[in-house]
Amino acid sequence: MNKNKICNPKTEVASGVSLNDKDYMDNLLSTLKSLVKNHAIALTEASNEVLCQEYKEMFDLFLDLQRETYEAMFRKGWYSIEKAEEKKIKEKYEMLDQEMTELSE
């Protein structure tokens, strides 16, 4: 096992043509991600303050649900993440810092 990989034991699901729990969760996560993206756009486009506030509340709700769904899938072992190497983190930071400096000039 890759020691840089962070994951939980995988919950096995039935395979075949029938949908299983993982399939439903994948679909839910994809839908919530789309809702978050679309509400972010709606927030930036709303010209009415009341409408903007309504979109903000819905955005926050969908974002929370998206995160909870991802975390539930992670706990079941259906998602894993990899630990970043310190060198790669430093390189990325330096690159972004340079870009920020150039934008500030």
PDB file of N, CA and C in Angstrom:
ATOM      1  N   MET A   1       0.840  -1.198   0.000  1.00  0.00           N
ATOM      2  CA  MET A   1       0.000   0.000   0.000  1.00  0.00           C
ATOM      3  C   MET A   1       0.877   1.250   0.000  1.00  0.00           C
ATOM      4  N   ASN A   2       0.487   2.234  -0.743  1.00  0.00           N
ATOM      5  CA  ASN A   2       1.198   3.498  -0.844  1.00  0.00           C
ATOM      6  C   ASN A   2       1.083   4.243   0.485  1.00  0.00           C
ATOM      7  N   LYS A   3       2.221   4.529   1.137  1.00  0.00           N
ATOM      8  CA  LYS A   3       2.165   5.178   2.445  1.00  0.00           C
ATOM      9  C   LYS A   3       1.782   6.644   2.348  1.00  0.00           C
ATOM     10  N   ASN A   4       1.788   7.212   1.140  1.00  0.00           N
ATOM     11  CA  ASN A   4       1.329   8.590   0.962  1.00  0.00           C
ATOM     12  C   ASN A   4      -0.170   8.670   0.728  1.00  0.00           C
ATOM     13  N   LYS A   5      -0.822   7.531   0.594  1.00  0.00           N
ATOM     14  CA  LYS A   5      -2.253   7.486   0.335  1.00  0.00           C
ATOM     15  C   LYS A   5      -3.013   7.498   1.661  1.00  0.00           C
ATOM     16  N   ILE A   6      -4.015   8.340   1.730  1.00  0.00           N
ATOM     17  CA  ILE A   6      -4.844   8.447   2.924  1.00  0.00           C
ATOM     18  C   ILE A   6      -6.236   7.944   2.555  1.00  0.00           C
ATOM     19  N   CYS A   7      -6.672   6.852   3.199  1.00  0.00           N
ATOM     20  CA  CYS A   7      -7.978   6.286   2.859  1.00  0.00           C
ATOM     21  C   CYS A   7      -8.508   5.449   4.016  1.00  0.00           C
ATOM     22  N   ASN A   8      -9.748   5.084   3.900  1.00  0.00           N
ATOM     23  CA  ASN A   8     -10.420   4.222   4.864  1.00  0.00           C
ATOM     24  C   ASN A   8     -10.640   2.859   4.210  1.00  0.00           C
ATOM     25  N   PRO A   9     -10.961   1.841   5.010  1.00  0.00           N
ATOM     26  CA  PRO A   9     -11.280   0.543   4.415  1.00  0.00           C
ATOM     27  C   PRO A   9     -12.483   0.692   3.477  1.00  0.00           C
ATOM     28  N   LYS A  10     -12.397   0.081   2.319  1.00  0.00           N
ATOM     29  CA  LYS A  10     -13.435   0.220   1.309  1.00  0.00           C
ATOM     30  C   LYS A  10     -14.658  -0.607   1.682  1.00  0.00           C
ATOM     31  N   THR A  11     -15.829   0.014   1.643  1.00  0.00           N
ATOM     32  CA  THR A  11     -17.090  -0.683   1.838  1.00  0.00           C
ATOM     33  C   THR A  11     -17.469  -1.307   0.507  1.00  0.00           C
ATOM     34  N   GLU A  12     -17.579  -2.594   0.476  1.00  0.00           N
ATOM     35  CA  GLU A  12     -17.908  -3.285  -0.771  1.00  0.00           C
ATOM     36  C   GLU A  12     -19.388  -3.116  -1.080  1.00  0.00           C
ATOM     37  N   VAL A  13     -19.679  -2.988  -2.364  1.00  0.00           N
ATOM     38  CA  VAL A  13     -21.062  -2.867  -2.832  1.00  0.00           C
ATOM     39  C   VAL A  13     -21.290  -3.899  -3.917  1.00  0.00           C
ATOM     40  N   ALA A  14     -22.553  -4.222  -4.134  1.00  0.00           N
ATOM     41  CA  ALA A  14     -22.895  -5.210  -5.158  1.00  0.00           C
ATOM     42  C   ALA A  14     -22.522  -4.675  -6.532  1.00  0.00           C
ATOM     43  N   SER A  15     -22.029  -5.562  -7.371  1.00  0.00           N
ATOM     44  CA  SER A  15     -21.713  -5.154  -8.739  1.00  0.00           C
ATOM     45  C   SER A  15     -22.783  -5.718  -9.664  1.00  0.00           C
ATOM     46  N   GLY A  16     -22.807  -5.224 -10.847  1.00  0.00           N
ATOM     47  CA  GLY A  16     -23.796  -5.680 -11.817  1.00  0.00           C
ATOM     48  C   GLY A  16     -24.530  -4.505 -12.417  1.00  0.00           C
ATOM     49  N   VAL A  17     -25.668  -4.781 -13.032  1.00  0.00           N
ATOM     50  CA  VAL A  17     -26.413  -3.732 -13.721  1.00  0.00           C
ATOM     51  C   VAL A  17     -27.277  -2.899 -12.779  1.00  0.00           C
ATOM     52  N   SER A  18     -27.565  -3.409 -11.597  1.00  0.00           N
ATOM     53  CA  SER A  18     -28.383  -2.656 -10.636  1.00  0.00           C
ATOM     54  C   SER A  18     -27.548  -1.579  -9.970  1.00  0.00           C
ATOM     55  N   LEU A  19     -28.186  -0.463  -9.666  1.00  0.00           N
ATOM     56  CA  LEU A  19     -27.491   0.607  -8.952  1.00  0.00           C
ATOM     57  C   LEU A  19     -27.260   0.187  -7.503  1.00  0.00           C
ATOM     58  N   ASN A  20     -26.120   0.594  -6.962  1.00  0.00           N
ATOM     59  CA  ASN A  20     -25.817   0.299  -5.575  1.00  0.00           C
ATOM     60  C   ASN A  20     -25.621   1.609  -4.813  1.00  0.00           C
ATOM     61  N   ASP A  21     -25.320   1.514  -3.518  1.00  0.00           N
ATOM     62  CA  ASP A  21     -25.168   2.716  -2.688  1.00  0.00           C
ATOM     63  C   ASP A  21     -24.101   3.660  -3.231  1.00  0.00           C
ATOM     64  N   LYS A  22     -22.983   3.119  -3.691  1.00  0.00           N
ATOM     65  CA  LYS A  22     -21.909   3.963  -4.227  1.00  0.00           C
ATOM     66  C   LYS A  22     -22.386   4.709  -5.467  1.00  0.00           C
ATOM     67  N   ASP A  23     -23.142   4.041  -6.330  1.00  0.00           N
ATOM     68  CA  ASP A  23     -23.675   4.690  -7.533  1.00  0.00           C
ATOM     69  C   ASP A  23     -24.574   5.872  -7.163  1.00  0.00           C
ATOM     70  N   TYR A  24     -25.447   5.650  -6.188  1.00  0.00           N
ATOM     71  CA  TYR A  24     -26.353   6.719  -5.755  1.00  0.00           C
ATOM     72  C   TYR A  24     -25.571   7.884  -5.152  1.00  0.00           C
ATOM     73  N   MET A  25     -24.564   7.552  -4.348  1.00  0.00           N
ATOM     74  CA  MET A  25     -23.760   8.600  -3.726  1.00  0.00           C
ATOM     75  C   MET A  25     -22.948   9.362  -4.773  1.00  0.00           C
ATOM     76  N   ASP A  26     -22.400   8.663  -5.757  1.00  0.00           N
ATOM     77  CA  ASP A  26     -21.678   9.329  -6.853  1.00  0.00           C
ATOM     78  C   ASP A  26     -22.591  10.310  -7.580  1.00  0.00           C
ATOM     79  N   ASN A  27     -23.803   9.863  -7.865  1.00  0.00           N
ATOM     80  CA  ASN A  27     -24.755  10.714  -8.564  1.00  0.00           C
ATOM     81  C   ASN A  27     -25.125  11.929  -7.723  1.00  0.00           C
ATOM     82  N   LEU A  28     -25.371  11.713  -6.442  1.00  0.00           N
ATOM     83  CA  LEU A  28     -25.703  12.813  -5.535  1.00  0.00           C
ATOM     84  C   LEU A  28     -24.556  13.811  -5.461  1.00  0.00           C
ATOM     85  N   LEU A  29     -23.329  13.318  -5.328  1.00  0.00           N
ATOM     86  CA  LEU A  29     -22.171  14.205  -5.247  1.00  0.00           C
ATOM     87  C   LEU A  29     -22.008  15.032  -6.527  1.00  0.00           C
ATOM     88  N   SER A  30     -22.170  14.402  -7.672  1.00  0.00           N
ATOM     89  CA  SER A  30     -22.069  15.127  -8.942  1.00  0.00           C
ATOM     90  C   SER A  30     -23.138  16.206  -9.051  1.00  0.00           C
ATOM     91  N   THR A  31     -24.342  15.878  -8.646  1.00  0.00           N
ATOM     92  CA  THR A  31     -25.441  16.847  -8.692  1.00  0.00           C
ATOM     93  C   THR A  31     -25.167  18.022  -7.761  1.00  0.00           C
ATOM     94  N   LEU A  32     -24.705  17.731  -6.556  1.00  0.00           N
ATOM     95  CA  LEU A  32     -24.414  18.800  -5.598  1.00  0.00           C
ATOM     96  C   LEU A  32     -23.264  19.677  -6.076  1.00  0.00           C
ATOM     97  N   LYS A  33     -22.257  19.085  -6.696  1.00  0.00           N
ATOM     98  CA  LYS A  33     -21.148  19.877  -7.232  1.00  0.00           C
ATOM     99  C   LYS A  33     -21.654  20.833  -8.312  1.00  0.00           C
ATOM    100  N   SER A  34     -22.530  20.348  -9.169  1.00  0.00           N
ATOM    101  CA  SER A  34     -23.108  21.209 -10.211  1.00  0.00           C
ATOM    102  C   SER A  34     -23.933  22.336  -9.602  1.00  0.00           C
ATOM    103  N   LEU A  35     -24.712  22.019  -8.584  1.00  0.00           N
ATOM    104  CA  LEU A  35     -25.520  23.045  -7.925  1.00  0.00           C
ATOM    105  C   LEU A  35     -24.638  24.120  -7.292  1.00  0.00           C
ATOM    106  N   VAL A  36     -23.546  23.701  -6.665  1.00  0.00           N
ATOM    107  CA  VAL A  36     -22.626  24.672  -6.047  1.00  0.00           C
ATOM    108  C   VAL A  36     -22.028  25.577  -7.122  1.00  0.00           C
ATOM    109  N   LYS A  37     -21.561  24.990  -8.226  1.00  0.00           N
ATOM    110  CA  LYS A  37     -20.974  25.791  -9.303  1.00  0.00           C
ATOM    111  C   LYS A  37     -21.993  26.768  -9.882  1.00  0.00           C
ATOM    112  N   ASN A  38     -23.192  26.276 -10.162  1.00  0.00           N
ATOM    113  CA  ASN A  38     -24.214  27.131 -10.763  1.00  0.00           C
ATOM    114  C   ASN A  38     -24.669  28.240  -9.822  1.00  0.00           C
ATOM    115  N   HIS A  39     -24.747  27.950  -8.535  1.00  0.00           N
ATOM    116  CA  HIS A  39     -25.139  28.996  -7.577  1.00  0.00           C
ATOM    117  C   HIS A  39     -24.024  30.020  -7.387  1.00  0.00           C
ATOM    118  N   ALA A  40     -22.778  29.597  -7.534  1.00  0.00           N
ATOM    119  CA  ALA A  40     -21.675  30.562  -7.474  1.00  0.00           C
ATOM    120  C   ALA A  40     -21.796  31.549  -8.633  1.00  0.00           C
ATOM    121  N   ILE A  41     -22.144  31.041  -9.807  1.00  0.00           N
ATOM    122  CA  ILE A  41     -22.346  31.925 -10.956  1.00  0.00           C
ATOM    123  C   ILE A  41     -23.542  32.844 -10.708  1.00  0.00           C
ATOM    124  N   ALA A  42     -24.628  32.275 -10.219  1.00  0.00           N
ATOM    125  CA  ALA A  42     -25.818  33.083  -9.952  1.00  0.00           C
ATOM    126  C   ALA A  42     -25.521  34.186  -8.942  1.00  0.00           C
ATOM    127  N   LEU A  43     -24.718  33.886  -7.949  1.00  0.00           N
ATOM    128  CA  LEU A  43     -24.346  34.900  -6.944  1.00  0.00           C
ATOM    129  C   LEU A  43     -23.619  36.070  -7.576  1.00  0.00           C
ATOM    130  N   THR A  44     -22.725  35.783  -8.495  1.00  0.00           N
ATOM    131  CA  THR A  44     -21.951  36.866  -9.120  1.00  0.00           C
ATOM    132  C   THR A  44     -22.771  37.647 -10.135  1.00  0.00           C
ATOM    133  N   GLU A  45     -23.883  37.077 -10.584  1.00  0.00           N
ATOM    134  CA  GLU A  45     -24.703  37.726 -11.605  1.00  0.00           C
ATOM    135  C   GLU A  45     -25.913  38.453 -11.012  1.00  0.00           C
ATOM    136  N   ALA A  46     -26.272  38.131  -9.762  1.00  0.00           N
ATOM    137  CA  ALA A  46     -27.483  38.712  -9.164  1.00  0.00           C
ATOM    138  C   ALA A  46     -27.310  40.212  -8.928  1.00  0.00           C
ATOM    139  N   SER A  47     -28.247  40.991  -9.450  1.00  0.00           N
ATOM    140  CA  SER A  47     -28.180  42.444  -9.267  1.00  0.00           C
ATOM    141  C   SER A  47     -29.071  42.909  -8.125  1.00  0.00           C
ATOM    142  N   ASN A  48     -29.992  42.067  -7.704  1.00  0.00           N
ATOM    143  CA  ASN A  48     -30.921  42.397  -6.626  1.00  0.00           C
ATOM    144  C   ASN A  48     -30.383  41.837  -5.312  1.00  0.00           C
ATOM    145  N   GLU A  49     -30.303  42.671  -4.293  1.00  0.00           N
ATOM    146  CA  GLU A  49     -29.713  42.269  -3.006  1.00  0.00           C
ATOM    147  C   GLU A  49     -30.491  41.121  -2.343  1.00  0.00           C
ATOM    148  N   VAL A  50     -31.817  41.175  -2.406  1.00  0.00           N
ATOM    149  CA  VAL A  50     -32.634  40.113  -1.792  1.00  0.00           C
ATOM    150  C   VAL A  50     -32.403  38.790  -2.522  1.00  0.00           C
ATOM    151  N   LEU A  51     -32.389  38.843  -3.837  1.00  0.00           N
ATOM    152  CA  LEU A  51     -32.142  37.648  -4.631  1.00  0.00           C
ATOM    153  C   LEU A  51     -30.734  37.105  -4.370  1.00  0.00           C
ATOM    154  N   CYS A  52     -29.786  38.001  -4.284  1.00  0.00           N
ATOM    155  CA  CYS A  52     -28.405  37.600  -3.992  1.00  0.00           C
ATOM    156  C   CYS A  52     -28.323  36.875  -2.643  1.00  0.00           C
ATOM    157  N   GLN A  53     -29.026  37.383  -1.651  1.00  0.00           N
ATOM    158  CA  GLN A  53     -29.022  36.755  -0.325  1.00  0.00           C
ATOM    159  C   GLN A  53     -29.655  35.367  -0.373  1.00  0.00           C
ATOM    160  N   GLU A  54     -30.733  35.227  -1.144  1.00  0.00           N
ATOM    161  CA  GLU A  54     -31.380  33.911  -1.300  1.00  0.00           C
ATOM    162  C   GLU A  54     -30.420  32.922  -1.949  1.00  0.00           C
ATOM    163  N   TYR A  55     -29.731  33.353  -3.012  1.00  0.00           N
ATOM    164  CA  TYR A  55     -28.753  32.494  -3.674  1.00  0.00           C
ATOM    165  C   TYR A  55     -27.626  32.127  -2.720  1.00  0.00           C
ATOM    166  N   LYS A  56     -27.207  33.063  -1.892  1.00  0.00           N
ATOM    167  CA  LYS A  56     -26.123  32.816  -0.928  1.00  0.00           C
ATOM    168  C   LYS A  56     -26.532  31.739   0.073  1.00  0.00           C
ATOM    169  N   GLU A  57     -27.763  31.824   0.572  1.00  0.00           N
ATOM    170  CA  GLU A  57     -28.247  30.815   1.520  1.00  0.00           C
ATOM    171  C   GLU A  57     -28.315  29.432   0.862  1.00  0.00           C
ATOM    172  N   MET A  58     -28.803  29.385  -0.379  1.00  0.00           N
ATOM    173  CA  MET A  58     -28.870  28.104  -1.087  1.00  0.00           C
ATOM    174  C   MET A  58     -27.458  27.586  -1.385  1.00  0.00           C
ATOM    175  N   PHE A  59     -26.561  28.493  -1.777  1.00  0.00           N
ATOM    176  CA  PHE A  59     -25.173  28.120  -2.043  1.00  0.00           C
ATOM    177  C   PHE A  59     -24.553  27.469  -0.809  1.00  0.00           C
ATOM    178  N   ASP A  60     -24.721  28.114   0.346  1.00  0.00           N
ATOM    179  CA  ASP A  60     -24.161  27.577   1.593  1.00  0.00           C
ATOM    180  C   ASP A  60     -24.734  26.200   1.913  1.00  0.00           C
ATOM    181  N   LEU A  61     -26.045  26.037   1.703  1.00  0.00           N
ATOM    182  CA  LEU A  61     -26.690  24.756   1.965  1.00  0.00           C
ATOM    183  C   LEU A  61     -26.134  23.673   1.036  1.00  0.00           C
ATOM    184  N   PHE A  62     -26.075  23.966  -0.254  1.00  0.00           N
ATOM    185  CA  PHE A  62     -25.567  22.976  -1.207  1.00  0.00           C
ATOM    186  C   PHE A  62     -24.100  22.660  -0.959  1.00  0.00           C
ATOM    187  N   LEU A  63     -23.321  23.667  -0.594  1.00  0.00           N
ATOM    188  CA  LEU A  63     -21.902  23.449  -0.303  1.00  0.00           C
ATOM    189  C   LEU A  63     -21.735  22.532   0.904  1.00  0.00           C
ATOM    190  N   ASP A  64     -22.528  22.772   1.963  1.00  0.00           N
ATOM    191  CA  ASP A  64     -22.473  21.906   3.144  1.00  0.00           C
ATOM    192  C   ASP A  64     -22.874  20.476   2.801  1.00  0.00           C
ATOM    193  N   LEU A  65     -23.944  20.312   2.006  1.00  0.00           N
ATOM    194  CA  LEU A  65     -24.395  18.977   1.621  1.00  0.00           C
ATOM    195  C   LEU A  65     -23.357  18.267   0.753  1.00  0.00           C
ATOM    196  N   GLN A  66     -22.717  19.031  -0.142  1.00  0.00           N
ATOM    197  CA  GLN A  66     -21.677  18.449  -0.986  1.00  0.00           C
ATOM    198  C   GLN A  66     -20.525  17.935  -0.125  1.00  0.00           C
ATOM    199  N   ARG A  67     -20.123  18.739   0.851  1.00  0.00           N
ATOM    200  CA  ARG A  67     -19.012  18.339   1.721  1.00  0.00           C
ATOM    201  C   ARG A  67     -19.384  17.118   2.562  1.00  0.00           C
ATOM    202  N   GLU A  68     -20.590  17.109   3.112  1.00  0.00           N
ATOM    203  CA  GLU A  68     -21.041  15.969   3.921  1.00  0.00           C
ATOM    204  C   GLU A  68     -21.093  14.695   3.087  1.00  0.00           C
ATOM    205  N   THR A  69     -21.541  14.814   1.843  1.00  0.00           N
ATOM    206  CA  THR A  69     -21.612  13.647   0.956  1.00  0.00           C
ATOM    207  C   THR A  69     -20.214  13.121   0.658  1.00  0.00           C
ATOM    208  N   TYR A  70     -19.294  14.034   0.327  1.00  0.00           N
ATOM    209  CA  TYR A  70     -17.913  13.620   0.071  1.00  0.00           C
ATOM    210  C   TYR A  70     -17.332  12.925   1.308  1.00  0.00           C
ATOM    211  N   GLU A  71     -17.522  13.513   2.477  1.00  0.00           N
ATOM    212  CA  GLU A  71     -16.958  12.930   3.701  1.00  0.00           C
ATOM    213  C   GLU A  71     -17.550  11.557   3.995  1.00  0.00           C
ATOM    214  N   ALA A  72     -18.838  11.372   3.731  1.00  0.00           N
ATOM    215  CA  ALA A  72     -19.467  10.060   3.931  1.00  0.00           C
ATOM    216  C   ALA A  72     -18.846   9.037   2.976  1.00  0.00           C
ATOM    217  N   MET A  73     -18.613   9.456   1.733  1.00  0.00           N
ATOM    218  CA  MET A  73     -17.996   8.550   0.767  1.00  0.00           C
ATOM    219  C   MET A  73     -16.543   8.246   1.145  1.00  0.00           C
ATOM    220  N   PHE A  74     -15.850   9.232   1.669  1.00  0.00           N
ATOM    221  CA  PHE A  74     -14.469   9.021   2.118  1.00  0.00           C
ATOM    222  C   PHE A  74     -14.435   8.015   3.267  1.00  0.00           C
ATOM    223  N   ARG A  75     -15.366   8.169   4.227  1.00  0.00           N
ATOM    224  CA  ARG A  75     -15.427   7.235   5.361  1.00  0.00           C
ATOM    225  C   ARG A  75     -15.685   5.804   4.902  1.00  0.00           C
ATOM    226  N   LYS A  76     -16.442   5.643   3.820  1.00  0.00           N
ATOM    227  CA  LYS A  76     -16.739   4.305   3.302  1.00  0.00           C
ATOM    228  C   LYS A  76     -15.610   3.760   2.425  1.00  0.00           C
ATOM    229  N   GLY A  77     -14.564   4.563   2.224  1.00  0.00           N
ATOM    230  CA  GLY A  77     -13.427   4.105   1.440  1.00  0.00           C
ATOM    231  C   GLY A  77     -13.612   4.264  -0.056  1.00  0.00           C
ATOM    232  N   TRP A  78     -14.616   5.026  -0.478  1.00  0.00           N
ATOM    233  CA  TRP A  78     -14.879   5.216  -1.900  1.00  0.00           C
ATOM    234  C   TRP A  78     -14.076   6.371  -2.483  1.00  0.00           C
ATOM    235  N   TYR A  79     -13.382   7.114  -1.646  1.00  0.00           N
ATOM    236  CA  TYR A  79     -12.461   8.169  -2.074  1.00  0.00           C
ATOM    237  C   TYR A  79     -11.197   8.040  -1.248  1.00  0.00           C
ATOM    238  N   SER A  80     -10.080   8.372  -1.866  1.00  0.00           N
ATOM    239  CA  SER A  80      -8.827   8.431  -1.127  1.00  0.00           C
ATOM    240  C   SER A  80      -8.090   9.679  -1.575  1.00  0.00           C
ATOM    241  N   ILE A  81      -7.189  10.128  -0.760  1.00  0.00           N
ATOM    242  CA  ILE A  81      -6.375  11.294  -1.096  1.00  0.00           C
ATOM    243  C   ILE A  81      -4.916  10.908  -0.903  1.00  0.00           C
ATOM    244  N   GLU A  82      -4.038  11.662  -1.526  1.00  0.00           N
ATOM    245  CA  GLU A  82      -2.620  11.396  -1.375  1.00  0.00           C
ATOM    246  C   GLU A  82      -1.960  12.540  -0.634  1.00  0.00           C
ATOM    247  N   LYS A  83      -1.082  12.170   0.252  1.00  0.00           N
ATOM    248  CA  LYS A  83      -0.330  13.148   1.017  1.00  0.00           C
ATOM    249  C   LYS A  83       0.678  13.812   0.086  1.00  0.00           C
ATOM    250  N   ALA A  84       0.657  15.133   0.054  1.00  0.00           N
ATOM    251  CA  ALA A  84       1.572  15.878  -0.820  1.00  0.00           C
ATOM    252  C   ALA A  84       2.969  15.907  -0.206  1.00  0.00           C
ATOM    253  N   GLU A  85       3.947  15.799  -1.068  1.00  0.00           N
ATOM    254  CA  GLU A  85       5.325  15.895  -0.618  1.00  0.00           C
ATOM    255  C   GLU A  85       5.633  17.351  -0.273  1.00  0.00           C
ATOM    256  N   GLU A  86       6.407  17.539   0.756  1.00  0.00           N
ATOM    257  CA  GLU A  86       6.768  18.890   1.214  1.00  0.00           C
ATOM    258  C   GLU A  86       7.396  19.707   0.090  1.00  0.00           C
ATOM    259  N   LYS A  87       8.226  19.064  -0.726  1.00  0.00           N
ATOM    260  CA  LYS A  87       8.896  19.745  -1.839  1.00  0.00           C
ATOM    261  C   LYS A  87       7.870  20.292  -2.833  1.00  0.00           C
ATOM    262  N   LYS A  88       6.844  19.493  -3.160  1.00  0.00           N
ATOM    263  CA  LYS A  88       5.822  19.922  -4.111  1.00  0.00           C
ATOM    264  C   LYS A  88       4.991  21.077  -3.542  1.00  0.00           C
ATOM    265  N   ILE A  89       4.728  21.032  -2.264  1.00  0.00           N
ATOM    266  CA  ILE A  89       3.978  22.115  -1.624  1.00  0.00           C
ATOM    267  C   ILE A  89       4.773  23.409  -1.704  1.00  0.00           C
ATOM    268  N   LYS A  90       6.058  23.321  -1.408  1.00  0.00           N
ATOM    269  CA  LYS A  90       6.925  24.503  -1.447  1.00  0.00           C
ATOM    270  C   LYS A  90       7.009  25.070  -2.864  1.00  0.00           C
ATOM    271  N   GLU A  91       7.172  24.186  -3.871  1.00  0.00           N
ATOM    272  CA  GLU A  91       7.242  24.631  -5.261  1.00  0.00           C
ATOM    273  C   GLU A  91       5.953  25.334  -5.685  1.00  0.00           C
ATOM    274  N   LYS A  92       4.825  24.778  -5.319  1.00  0.00           N
ATOM    275  CA  LYS A  92       3.531  25.377  -5.671  1.00  0.00           C
ATOM    276  C   LYS A  92       3.373  26.728  -4.980  1.00  0.00           C
ATOM    277  N   TYR A  93       3.746  26.810  -3.722  1.00  0.00           N
ATOM    278  CA  TYR A  93       3.660  28.069  -2.986  1.00  0.00           C
ATOM    279  C   TYR A  93       4.509  29.141  -3.661  1.00  0.00           C
ATOM    280  N   GLU A  94       5.726  28.788  -4.018  1.00  0.00           N
ATOM    281  CA  GLU A  94       6.629  29.752  -4.659  1.00  0.00           C
ATOM    282  C   GLU A  94       6.081  30.224  -6.003  1.00  0.00           C
ATOM    283  N   MET A  95       5.499  29.308  -6.765  1.00  0.00           N
ATOM    284  CA  MET A  95       4.922  29.670  -8.053  1.00  0.00           C
ATOM    285  C   MET A  95       3.746  30.646  -7.864  1.00  0.00           C
ATOM    286  N   LEU A  96       2.848  30.322  -6.929  1.00  0.00           N
ATOM    287  CA  LEU A  96       1.696  31.187  -6.677  1.00  0.00           C
ATOM    288  C   LEU A  96       2.123  32.533  -6.096  1.00  0.00           C
ATOM    289  N   ASP A  97       3.144  32.513  -5.254  1.00  0.00           N
ATOM    290  CA  ASP A  97       3.655  33.753  -4.679  1.00  0.00           C
ATOM    291  C   ASP A  97       4.225  34.656  -5.781  1.00  0.00           C
ATOM    292  N   GLN A  98       4.925  34.044  -6.721  1.00  0.00           N
ATOM    293  CA  GLN A  98       5.480  34.799  -7.854  1.00  0.00           C
ATOM    294  C   GLN A  98       4.358  35.393  -8.708  1.00  0.00           C
ATOM    295  N   GLU A  99       3.329  34.603  -8.984  1.00  0.00           N
ATOM    296  CA  GLU A  99       2.194  35.094  -9.758  1.00  0.00           C
ATOM    297  C   GLU A  99       1.503  36.258  -9.047  1.00  0.00           C
ATOM    298  N   MET A 100       1.355  36.153  -7.751  1.00  0.00           N
ATOM    299  CA  MET A 100       0.712  37.197  -6.959  1.00  0.00           C
ATOM    300  C   MET A 100       1.547  38.481  -7.011  1.00  0.00           C
ATOM    301  N   THR A 101       2.861  38.328  -6.928  1.00  0.00           N
ATOM    302  CA  THR A 101       3.760  39.480  -7.006  1.00  0.00           C
ATOM    303  C   THR A 101       3.617  40.163  -8.367  1.00  0.00           C
ATOM    304  N   GLU A 102       3.568  39.369  -9.424  1.00  0.00           N
ATOM    305  CA  GLU A 102       3.430  39.936 -10.769  1.00  0.00           C
ATOM    306  C   GLU A 102       2.091  40.642 -10.948  1.00  0.00           C
ATOM    307  N   LEU A 103       1.052  40.120 -10.356  1.00  0.00           N
ATOM    308  CA  LEU A 103      -0.268  40.757 -10.447  1.00  0.00           C
ATOM    309  C   LEU A 103      -0.311  42.073  -9.673  1.00  0.00           C
ATOM    310  N   SER A 104       0.465  42.159  -8.624  1.00  0.00           N
ATOM    311  CA  SER A 104       0.485  43.359  -7.771  1.00  0.00           C
ATOM    312  C   SER A 104       1.265  44.504  -8.396  1.00  0.00           C
ATOM    313  N   GLU A 105       2.097  44.200  -9.363  1.00  0.00           N
ATOM    314  CA  GLU A 105       2.959  45.236  -9.963  1.00  0.00           C
ATOM    315  C   GLU A 105       2.178  46.137 -10.898  1.00  0.00           C
TER     316      GLU A 105
END
